[in-house]
Amino acid sequence: MKKGRVIFTVLVMLLIIACFIFAKVFNDLKKENRIKTEIKEIVKVFGTENIDDDDVNAIIDRRIYKKGNYAKVEDAVKNYYKDLYSYQKNITFLMDDENFINYLTVENISSDGKDFLKSKSNLQTTKSQINDKYQQFDNQLNDDAVKISYIFDMKIDKYYQNLYLEFINQYTPSNLTDDIKDKYDQTLKKIDLYNEALDFLATNKDHWKTTGDVLTFDDTALFEEYKKITDQIDELTLQQTSES
């Protein structure tokens, strides 16, 4: 009888332990799934055509967990996406075509010609800013050392650090880099074309003039060369518009 009771007691204890483990695993999975849901909501907003700051901030700033390991994971996740959104917003703003359309207007050609020192300086500054912001954005998306820095200093087990990194790598849209990279390449090419157009006007300063809102050349061949450059700019602008 005693042996039977011992076996029964052991079985009951094992059952209790198993139930405890199952309950913990189930609870952990539930918490992980809630964080996944939050990430999916963030990523969904990122993918909208006209991203709304309020929609992004509402998700990123809220917290579903107040304490514990999953609170730290959630905090790291949302801080990561907060910076990613900021970098994406900065680079997108700098690449907006509205920042470039005035360079070859008759008004700017008249006021900054015929050497275009101000315009060329502004283009160089913009190009440098775009390169810097793109590098930040690219590092945020592709550098694991940058990603892990958001949770590395927290007092948390390696399991949760890896879980955080797994979430970031799994749910961040794979096409986000490609979309920005394409526009980045096109924008740098466009800046080079604007510089080429301004250099052409500066080199041939004695062969053009502005009258009212019209730019005219005294040589048809020069006009055709200038038009080839501006046509390339128009093609790039149209391409970017159709892709956005």
C-alpha atoms as a PDB file:
ATOM      1  CA  MET A   1       0.000   0.000   0.000  1.00  0.00           C
ATOM      2  CA  LYS A   2       2.770   2.394   0.968  1.00  0.00           C
ATOM      3  CA  LYS A   3       4.561   1.779  -2.322  1.00  0.00           C
ATOM      4  CA  GLY A   4       1.326   2.376  -4.224  1.00  0.00           C
ATOM      5  CA  ARG A   5       0.752   5.622  -2.354  1.00  0.00           C
ATOM      6  CA  VAL A   6       4.268   6.792  -3.135  1.00  0.00           C
ATOM      7  CA  ILE A   7       3.799   6.059  -6.828  1.00  0.00           C
ATOM      8  CA  PHE A   8       0.423   7.806  -6.771  1.00  0.00           C
ATOM      9  CA  THR A   9       1.909  10.826  -4.995  1.00  0.00           C
ATOM     10  CA  VAL A  10       4.778  11.011  -7.486  1.00  0.00           C
ATOM     11  CA  LEU A  11       2.348  10.819 -10.404  1.00  0.00           C
ATOM     12  CA  VAL A  12       0.215  13.567  -8.922  1.00  0.00           C
ATOM     13  CA  MET A  13       3.279  15.767  -8.407  1.00  0.00           C
ATOM     14  CA  LEU A  14       4.443  15.103 -11.952  1.00  0.00           C
ATOM     15  CA  LEU A  15       0.983  15.950 -13.220  1.00  0.00           C
ATOM     16  CA  ILE A  16       0.973  19.201 -11.241  1.00  0.00           C
ATOM     17  CA  ILE A  17       4.425  20.104 -12.555  1.00  0.00           C
ATOM     18  CA  ALA A  18       3.328  19.255 -16.115  1.00  0.00           C
ATOM     19  CA  CYS A  19       0.233  21.418 -15.727  1.00  0.00           C
ATOM     20  CA  PHE A  20       2.344  24.247 -14.355  1.00  0.00           C
ATOM     21  CA  ILE A  21       4.789  23.977 -17.250  1.00  0.00           C
ATOM     22  CA  PHE A  22       1.952  23.779 -19.781  1.00  0.00           C
ATOM     23  CA  ALA A  23       0.245  26.811 -18.242  1.00  0.00           C
ATOM     24  CA  LYS A  24       3.494  28.797 -18.327  1.00  0.00           C
ATOM     25  CA  VAL A  25       4.221  27.816 -21.927  1.00  0.00           C
ATOM     26  CA  PHE A  26       0.657  28.644 -22.928  1.00  0.00           C
ATOM     27  CA  ASN A  27       0.845  32.008 -21.154  1.00  0.00           C
ATOM     28  CA  ASP A  28       4.210  32.791 -22.760  1.00  0.00           C
ATOM     29  CA  LEU A  29       2.876  31.945 -26.215  1.00  0.00           C
ATOM     30  CA  LYS A  30      -0.132  34.138 -25.563  1.00  0.00           C
ATOM     31  CA  LYS A  31       2.139  37.050 -24.617  1.00  0.00           C
ATOM     32  CA  GLU A  32       4.365  36.471 -27.623  1.00  0.00           C
ATOM     33  CA  ASN A  33       1.354  36.414 -29.936  1.00  0.00           C
ATOM     34  CA  ARG A  34       0.117  39.714 -28.519  1.00  0.00           C
ATOM     35  CA  ILE A  35       3.478  41.313 -29.290  1.00  0.00           C
ATOM     36  CA  LYS A  36       3.366  39.810 -32.791  1.00  0.00           C
ATOM     37  CA  THR A  37      -0.071  41.367 -33.261  1.00  0.00           C
ATOM     38  CA  GLU A  38       1.314  44.754 -32.228  1.00  0.00           C
ATOM     39  CA  ILE A  39       4.177  44.419 -34.721  1.00  0.00           C
ATOM     40  CA  LYS A  40       1.791  43.457 -37.515  1.00  0.00           C
ATOM     41  CA  GLU A  41      -0.283  46.558 -36.802  1.00  0.00           C
ATOM     42  CA  ILE A  42       2.824  48.754 -36.907  1.00  0.00           C
ATOM     43  CA  VAL A  43       4.017  47.184 -40.157  1.00  0.00           C
ATOM     44  CA  LYS A  44       0.545  47.524 -41.664  1.00  0.00           C
ATOM     45  CA  VAL A  45       0.565  51.271 -40.994  1.00  0.00           C
ATOM     46  CA  PHE A  46       4.085  51.503 -42.483  1.00  0.00           C
ATOM     47  CA  GLY A  47       2.759  50.009 -45.689  1.00  0.00           C
ATOM     48  CA  THR A  48      -0.065  52.492 -46.239  1.00  0.00           C
ATOM     49  CA  GLU A  49       0.254  54.940 -49.126  1.00  0.00           C
ATOM     50  CA  ASN A  50      -0.125  58.033 -46.945  1.00  0.00           C
ATOM     51  CA  ILE A  51       1.304  57.219 -43.535  1.00  0.00           C
ATOM     52  CA  ASP A  52      -0.432  59.071 -40.731  1.00  0.00           C
ATOM     53  CA  ASP A  53       1.827  60.161 -37.848  1.00  0.00           C
ATOM     54  CA  ASP A  54      -1.000  59.842 -35.333  1.00  0.00           C
ATOM     55  CA  ASP A  55      -1.734  56.247 -36.386  1.00  0.00           C
ATOM     56  CA  VAL A  56       1.924  55.288 -36.076  1.00  0.00           C
ATOM     57  CA  ASN A  57       2.458  57.014 -32.744  1.00  0.00           C
ATOM     58  CA  ALA A  58      -0.739  55.603 -31.267  1.00  0.00           C
ATOM     59  CA  ILE A  59       0.563  52.047 -31.723  1.00  0.00           C
ATOM     60  CA  ILE A  60       4.231  52.716 -30.970  1.00  0.00           C
ATOM     61  CA  ASP A  61       3.608  54.714 -27.794  1.00  0.00           C
ATOM     62  CA  ARG A  62       1.084  52.371 -26.190  1.00  0.00           C
ATOM     63  CA  ARG A  63       2.162  49.432 -24.011  1.00  0.00           C
ATOM     64  CA  ILE A  64       0.250  46.199 -23.449  1.00  0.00           C
ATOM     65  CA  TYR A  65       2.734  44.996 -20.789  1.00  0.00           C
ATOM     66  CA  LYS A  66       3.846  47.101 -17.836  1.00  0.00           C
ATOM     67  CA  LYS A  67       6.495  44.853 -16.283  1.00  0.00           C
ATOM     68  CA  GLY A  68       8.417  41.634 -16.778  1.00  0.00           C
ATOM     69  CA  ASN A  69      10.458  40.172 -19.618  1.00  0.00           C
ATOM     70  CA  TYR A  70       7.763  40.629 -22.242  1.00  0.00           C
ATOM     71  CA  ALA A  71       7.387  44.271 -21.273  1.00  0.00           C
ATOM     72  CA  LYS A  72      11.084  44.694 -22.045  1.00  0.00           C
ATOM     73  CA  VAL A  73      10.703  42.889 -25.361  1.00  0.00           C
ATOM     74  CA  GLU A  74       7.725  45.043 -26.284  1.00  0.00           C
ATOM     75  CA  ASP A  75       9.587  48.185 -25.255  1.00  0.00           C
ATOM     76  CA  ALA A  76      12.604  47.267 -27.388  1.00  0.00           C
ATOM     77  CA  VAL A  77      10.403  46.369 -30.359  1.00  0.00           C
ATOM     78  CA  LYS A  78       8.489  49.621 -30.292  1.00  0.00           C
ATOM     79  CA  ASN A  79      11.536  51.786 -29.708  1.00  0.00           C
ATOM     80  CA  TYR A  80      13.165  50.097 -32.696  1.00  0.00           C
ATOM     81  CA  TYR A  81      10.172  50.756 -34.933  1.00  0.00           C
ATOM     82  CA  LYS A  82       9.852  54.308 -33.628  1.00  0.00           C
ATOM     83  CA  ASP A  83      13.366  55.097 -34.860  1.00  0.00           C
ATOM     84  CA  LEU A  84      12.844  53.142 -38.079  1.00  0.00           C
ATOM     85  CA  TYR A  85       9.754  55.210 -38.821  1.00  0.00           C
ATOM     86  CA  SER A  86      11.644  58.416 -38.051  1.00  0.00           C
ATOM     87  CA  TYR A  87      14.466  57.471 -40.431  1.00  0.00           C
ATOM     88  CA  GLN A  88      12.003  56.406 -43.117  1.00  0.00           C
ATOM     89  CA  LYS A  89      10.112  59.669 -42.744  1.00  0.00           C
ATOM     90  CA  ASN A  90      13.293  61.773 -42.886  1.00  0.00           C
ATOM     91  CA  ILE A  91      14.694  60.138 -46.007  1.00  0.00           C
ATOM     92  CA  THR A  92      11.306  60.188 -47.749  1.00  0.00           C
ATOM     93  CA  PHE A  93      10.889  63.890 -47.011  1.00  0.00           C
ATOM     94  CA  LEU A  94      14.340  64.737 -48.370  1.00  0.00           C
ATOM     95  CA  MET A  95      13.668  62.788 -51.572  1.00  0.00           C
ATOM     96  CA  ASP A  96      10.315  64.461 -52.248  1.00  0.00           C
ATOM     97  CA  ASP A  97      10.246  65.943 -55.730  1.00  0.00           C
ATOM     98  CA  GLU A  98       8.847  69.185 -54.337  1.00  0.00           C
ATOM     99  CA  ASN A  99      12.354  69.890 -53.012  1.00  0.00           C
ATOM    100  CA  PHE A 100      13.791  70.031 -56.540  1.00  0.00           C
ATOM    101  CA  ILE A 101      11.187  71.374 -58.944  1.00  0.00           C
ATOM    102  CA  ASN A 102      12.186  75.042 -58.527  1.00  0.00           C
ATOM    103  CA  TYR A 103      15.836  74.701 -59.553  1.00  0.00           C
ATOM    104  CA  LEU A 104      15.170  74.965 -63.287  1.00  0.00           C
ATOM    105  CA  THR A 105      12.283  77.400 -63.165  1.00  0.00           C
ATOM    106  CA  VAL A 106      12.803  80.627 -65.053  1.00  0.00           C
ATOM    107  CA  GLU A 107      12.490  82.504 -61.767  1.00  0.00           C
ATOM    108  CA  ASN A 108      15.408  80.617 -60.184  1.00  0.00           C
ATOM    109  CA  ILE A 109      17.484  80.723 -63.370  1.00  0.00           C
ATOM    110  CA  SER A 110      17.028  84.503 -63.483  1.00  0.00           C
ATOM    111  CA  SER A 111      17.810  85.090 -59.811  1.00  0.00           C
ATOM    112  CA  ASP A 112      20.716  82.646 -59.349  1.00  0.00           C
ATOM    113  CA  GLY A 113      22.238  82.737 -62.829  1.00  0.00           C
ATOM    114  CA  LYS A 114      24.451  82.833 -64.449  1.00  0.00           C
ATOM    115  CA  ASP A 115      26.834  80.773 -62.298  1.00  0.00           C
ATOM    116  CA  PHE A 116      24.196  79.166 -60.024  1.00  0.00           C
ATOM    117  CA  LEU A 117      26.467  79.025 -56.991  1.00  0.00           C
ATOM    118  CA  LYS A 118      23.575  79.023 -54.509  1.00  0.00           C
ATOM    119  CA  SER A 119      21.592  76.359 -56.371  1.00  0.00           C
ATOM    120  CA  LYS A 120      24.579  74.051 -56.735  1.00  0.00           C
ATOM    121  CA  SER A 121      25.512  74.500 -53.074  1.00  0.00           C
ATOM    122  CA  ASN A 122      21.948  73.663 -52.016  1.00  0.00           C
ATOM    123  CA  LEU A 123      21.922  70.548 -54.208  1.00  0.00           C
ATOM    124  CA  GLN A 124      25.228  69.393 -52.715  1.00  0.00           C
ATOM    125  CA  THR A 125      23.902  69.905 -49.188  1.00  0.00           C
ATOM    126  CA  THR A 126      20.704  68.012 -49.985  1.00  0.00           C
ATOM    127  CA  LYS A 127      22.656  65.161 -51.546  1.00  0.00           C
ATOM    128  CA  SER A 128      24.856  64.876 -48.455  1.00  0.00           C
ATOM    129  CA  GLN A 129      21.797  64.877 -46.171  1.00  0.00           C
ATOM    130  CA  ILE A 130      20.117  62.193 -48.264  1.00  0.00           C
ATOM    131  CA  ASN A 131      23.218  60.004 -48.109  1.00  0.00           C
ATOM    132  CA  ASP A 132      23.437  60.387 -44.318  1.00  0.00           C
ATOM    133  CA  LYS A 133      19.736  59.694 -43.713  1.00  0.00           C
ATOM    134  CA  TYR A 134      19.718  56.761 -46.100  1.00  0.00           C
ATOM    135  CA  GLN A 135      22.681  55.216 -44.281  1.00  0.00           C
ATOM    136  CA  GLN A 136      20.805  55.546 -40.977  1.00  0.00           C
ATOM    137  CA  PHE A 137      17.726  53.951 -42.500  1.00  0.00           C
ATOM    138  CA  ASP A 138      19.715  51.138 -44.114  1.00  0.00           C
ATOM    139  CA  ASN A 139      21.612  50.378 -40.886  1.00  0.00           C
ATOM    140  CA  GLN A 140      18.359  50.299 -38.941  1.00  0.00           C
ATOM    141  CA  LEU A 141      16.921  47.728 -41.326  1.00  0.00           C
ATOM    142  CA  ASN A 142      19.916  45.535 -42.040  1.00  0.00           C
ATOM    143  CA  ASP A 143      22.468  45.781 -39.222  1.00  0.00           C
ATOM    144  CA  ASP A 144      21.787  43.242 -36.458  1.00  0.00           C
ATOM    145  CA  ALA A 145      24.167  45.099 -34.143  1.00  0.00           C
ATOM    146  CA  VAL A 146      21.950  48.171 -34.417  1.00  0.00           C
ATOM    147  CA  LYS A 147      18.821  46.096 -33.849  1.00  0.00           C
ATOM    148  CA  ILE A 148      20.111  44.264 -30.782  1.00  0.00           C
ATOM    149  CA  SER A 149      21.288  47.537 -29.223  1.00  0.00           C
ATOM    150  CA  TYR A 150      17.663  48.294 -28.333  1.00  0.00           C
ATOM    151  CA  ILE A 151      17.540  45.387 -25.874  1.00  0.00           C
ATOM    152  CA  PHE A 152      21.200  44.609 -25.171  1.00  0.00           C
ATOM    153  CA  ASP A 153      21.513  46.810 -22.082  1.00  0.00           C
ATOM    154  CA  MET A 154      18.336  45.518 -20.486  1.00  0.00           C
ATOM    155  CA  LYS A 155      18.683  42.956 -17.704  1.00  0.00           C
ATOM    156  CA  ILE A 156      17.039  40.146 -19.604  1.00  0.00           C
ATOM    157  CA  ASP A 157      17.817  36.522 -20.522  1.00  0.00           C
ATOM    158  CA  LYS A 158      19.384  35.713 -23.868  1.00  0.00           C
ATOM    159  CA  TYR A 159      16.187  33.893 -24.861  1.00  0.00           C
ATOM    160  CA  TYR A 160      14.214  37.157 -24.836  1.00  0.00           C
ATOM    161  CA  GLN A 161      16.956  39.034 -26.688  1.00  0.00           C
ATOM    162  CA  ASN A 162      16.813  36.408 -29.428  1.00  0.00           C
ATOM    163  CA  LEU A 163      13.021  36.492 -29.390  1.00  0.00           C
ATOM    164  CA  TYR A 164      13.066  40.253 -29.916  1.00  0.00           C
ATOM    165  CA  LEU A 165      15.534  39.925 -32.807  1.00  0.00           C
ATOM    166  CA  GLU A 166      13.459  37.123 -34.333  1.00  0.00           C
ATOM    167  CA  PHE A 167      10.345  39.319 -34.227  1.00  0.00           C
ATOM    168  CA  ILE A 168      12.117  42.263 -35.855  1.00  0.00           C
ATOM    169  CA  ASN A 169      13.656  40.172 -38.621  1.00  0.00           C
ATOM    170  CA  GLN A 170      10.524  38.154 -39.302  1.00  0.00           C
ATOM    171  CA  TYR A 171       7.906  40.878 -39.475  1.00  0.00           C
ATOM    172  CA  THR A 172       9.687  43.902 -40.936  1.00  0.00           C
ATOM    173  CA  PRO A 173       8.560  44.086 -44.604  1.00  0.00           C
ATOM    174  CA  SER A 174      11.178  42.606 -46.908  1.00  0.00           C
ATOM    175  CA  ASN A 175      10.360  45.110 -49.663  1.00  0.00           C
ATOM    176  CA  LEU A 176      10.829  48.165 -47.449  1.00  0.00           C
ATOM    177  CA  THR A 177      14.540  48.378 -48.262  1.00  0.00           C
ATOM    178  CA  ASP A 178      13.977  47.887 -51.990  1.00  0.00           C
ATOM    179  CA  ASP A 179      11.316  50.590 -52.224  1.00  0.00           C
ATOM    180  CA  ILE A 180      13.467  53.202 -50.501  1.00  0.00           C
ATOM    181  CA  LYS A 181      16.653  52.077 -52.298  1.00  0.00           C
ATOM    182  CA  ASP A 182      15.038  52.491 -55.719  1.00  0.00           C
ATOM    183  CA  LYS A 183      13.863  55.999 -54.909  1.00  0.00           C
ATOM    184  CA  TYR A 184      17.243  56.801 -53.324  1.00  0.00           C
ATOM    185  CA  ASP A 185      19.115  55.795 -56.490  1.00  0.00           C
ATOM    186  CA  GLN A 186      16.688  57.716 -58.681  1.00  0.00           C
ATOM    187  CA  THR A 187      16.932  60.837 -56.522  1.00  0.00           C
ATOM    188  CA  LEU A 188      20.739  60.873 -56.590  1.00  0.00           C
ATOM    189  CA  LYS A 189      20.629  60.489 -60.352  1.00  0.00           C
ATOM    190  CA  LYS A 190      18.127  63.351 -60.544  1.00  0.00           C
ATOM    191  CA  ILE A 191      20.376  65.598 -58.428  1.00  0.00           C
ATOM    192  CA  ASP A 192      23.264  64.837 -60.777  1.00  0.00           C
ATOM    193  CA  LEU A 193      21.061  65.785 -63.734  1.00  0.00           C
ATOM    194  CA  TYR A 194      20.059  69.066 -62.089  1.00  0.00           C
ATOM    195  CA  ASN A 195      23.739  69.815 -61.551  1.00  0.00           C
ATOM    196  CA  GLU A 196      24.449  68.897 -65.160  1.00  0.00           C
ATOM    197  CA  ALA A 197      21.722  71.264 -66.352  1.00  0.00           C
ATOM    198  CA  LEU A 198      23.026  74.116 -64.194  1.00  0.00           C
ATOM    199  CA  ASP A 199      26.609  73.479 -65.336  1.00  0.00           C
ATOM    200  CA  PHE A 200      25.420  73.550 -68.941  1.00  0.00           C
ATOM    201  CA  LEU A 201      23.708  76.899 -68.398  1.00  0.00           C
ATOM    202  CA  ALA A 202      26.772  78.305 -66.618  1.00  0.00           C
ATOM    203  CA  THR A 203      29.111  77.119 -69.373  1.00  0.00           C
ATOM    204  CA  ASN A 204      26.887  78.624 -72.054  1.00  0.00           C
ATOM    205  CA  LYS A 205      25.912  81.737 -70.086  1.00  0.00           C
ATOM    206  CA  ASP A 206      26.340  83.998 -73.128  1.00  0.00           C
ATOM    207  CA  HIS A 207      23.911  82.014 -75.271  1.00  0.00           C
ATOM    208  CA  TRP A 208      20.679  82.176 -73.286  1.00  0.00           C
ATOM    209  CA  LYS A 209      18.439  84.708 -71.644  1.00  0.00           C
ATOM    210  CA  THR A 210      15.168  84.871 -69.744  1.00  0.00           C
ATOM    211  CA  THR A 211      12.302  87.002 -70.910  1.00  0.00           C
ATOM    212  CA  GLY A 212       9.338  87.040 -68.585  1.00  0.00           C
ATOM    213  CA  ASP A 213       8.737  83.375 -67.782  1.00  0.00           C
ATOM    214  CA  VAL A 214      10.550  82.013 -70.856  1.00  0.00           C
ATOM    215  CA  LEU A 215      14.131  80.711 -71.236  1.00  0.00           C
ATOM    216  CA  THR A 216      15.488  81.067 -74.756  1.00  0.00           C
ATOM    217  CA  PHE A 217      18.760  80.117 -76.481  1.00  0.00           C
ATOM    218  CA  ASP A 218      20.390  81.840 -79.436  1.00  0.00           C
ATOM    219  CA  ASP A 219      21.471  78.455 -80.804  1.00  0.00           C
ATOM    220  CA  THR A 220      19.030  75.638 -81.569  1.00  0.00           C
ATOM    221  CA  ALA A 221      21.690  72.980 -81.007  1.00  0.00           C
ATOM    222  CA  LEU A 222      22.331  74.280 -77.491  1.00  0.00           C
ATOM    223  CA  PHE A 223      18.594  74.282 -76.768  1.00  0.00           C
ATOM    224  CA  GLU A 224      18.381  70.643 -77.884  1.00  0.00           C
ATOM    225  CA  GLU A 225      21.299  69.661 -75.612  1.00  0.00           C
ATOM    226  CA  TYR A 226      19.678  71.390 -72.667  1.00  0.00           C
ATOM    227  CA  LYS A 227      16.320  69.765 -73.450  1.00  0.00           C
ATOM    228  CA  LYS A 228      17.906  66.296 -73.437  1.00  0.00           C
ATOM    229  CA  ILE A 229      18.953  66.854 -69.831  1.00  0.00           C
ATOM    230  CA  THR A 230      15.594  68.207 -68.708  1.00  0.00           C
ATOM    231  CA  ASP A 231      13.782  65.371 -70.503  1.00  0.00           C
ATOM    232  CA  GLN A 232      15.755  62.861 -68.440  1.00  0.00           C
ATOM    233  CA  ILE A 233      14.715  64.704 -65.276  1.00  0.00           C
ATOM    234  CA  ASP A 234      11.069  64.606 -66.385  1.00  0.00           C
ATOM    235  CA  GLU A 235      11.314  60.875 -67.119  1.00  0.00           C
ATOM    236  CA  LEU A 236      12.734  60.158 -63.666  1.00  0.00           C
ATOM    237  CA  THR A 237      10.059  62.292 -62.017  1.00  0.00           C
ATOM    238  CA  LEU A 238       7.320  60.495 -63.945  1.00  0.00           C
ATOM    239  CA  GLN A 239       8.819  57.128 -63.025  1.00  0.00           C
ATOM    240  CA  GLN A 240       8.921  58.020 -59.325  1.00  0.00           C
ATOM    241  CA  THR A 241       5.346  59.299 -59.451  1.00  0.00           C
ATOM    242  CA  SER A 242       4.067  56.119 -61.057  1.00  0.00           C
ATOM    243  CA  GLU A 243       5.876  53.931 -58.496  1.00  0.00           C
ATOM    244  CA  SER A 244       4.715  55.830 -55.412  1.00  0.00           C
END
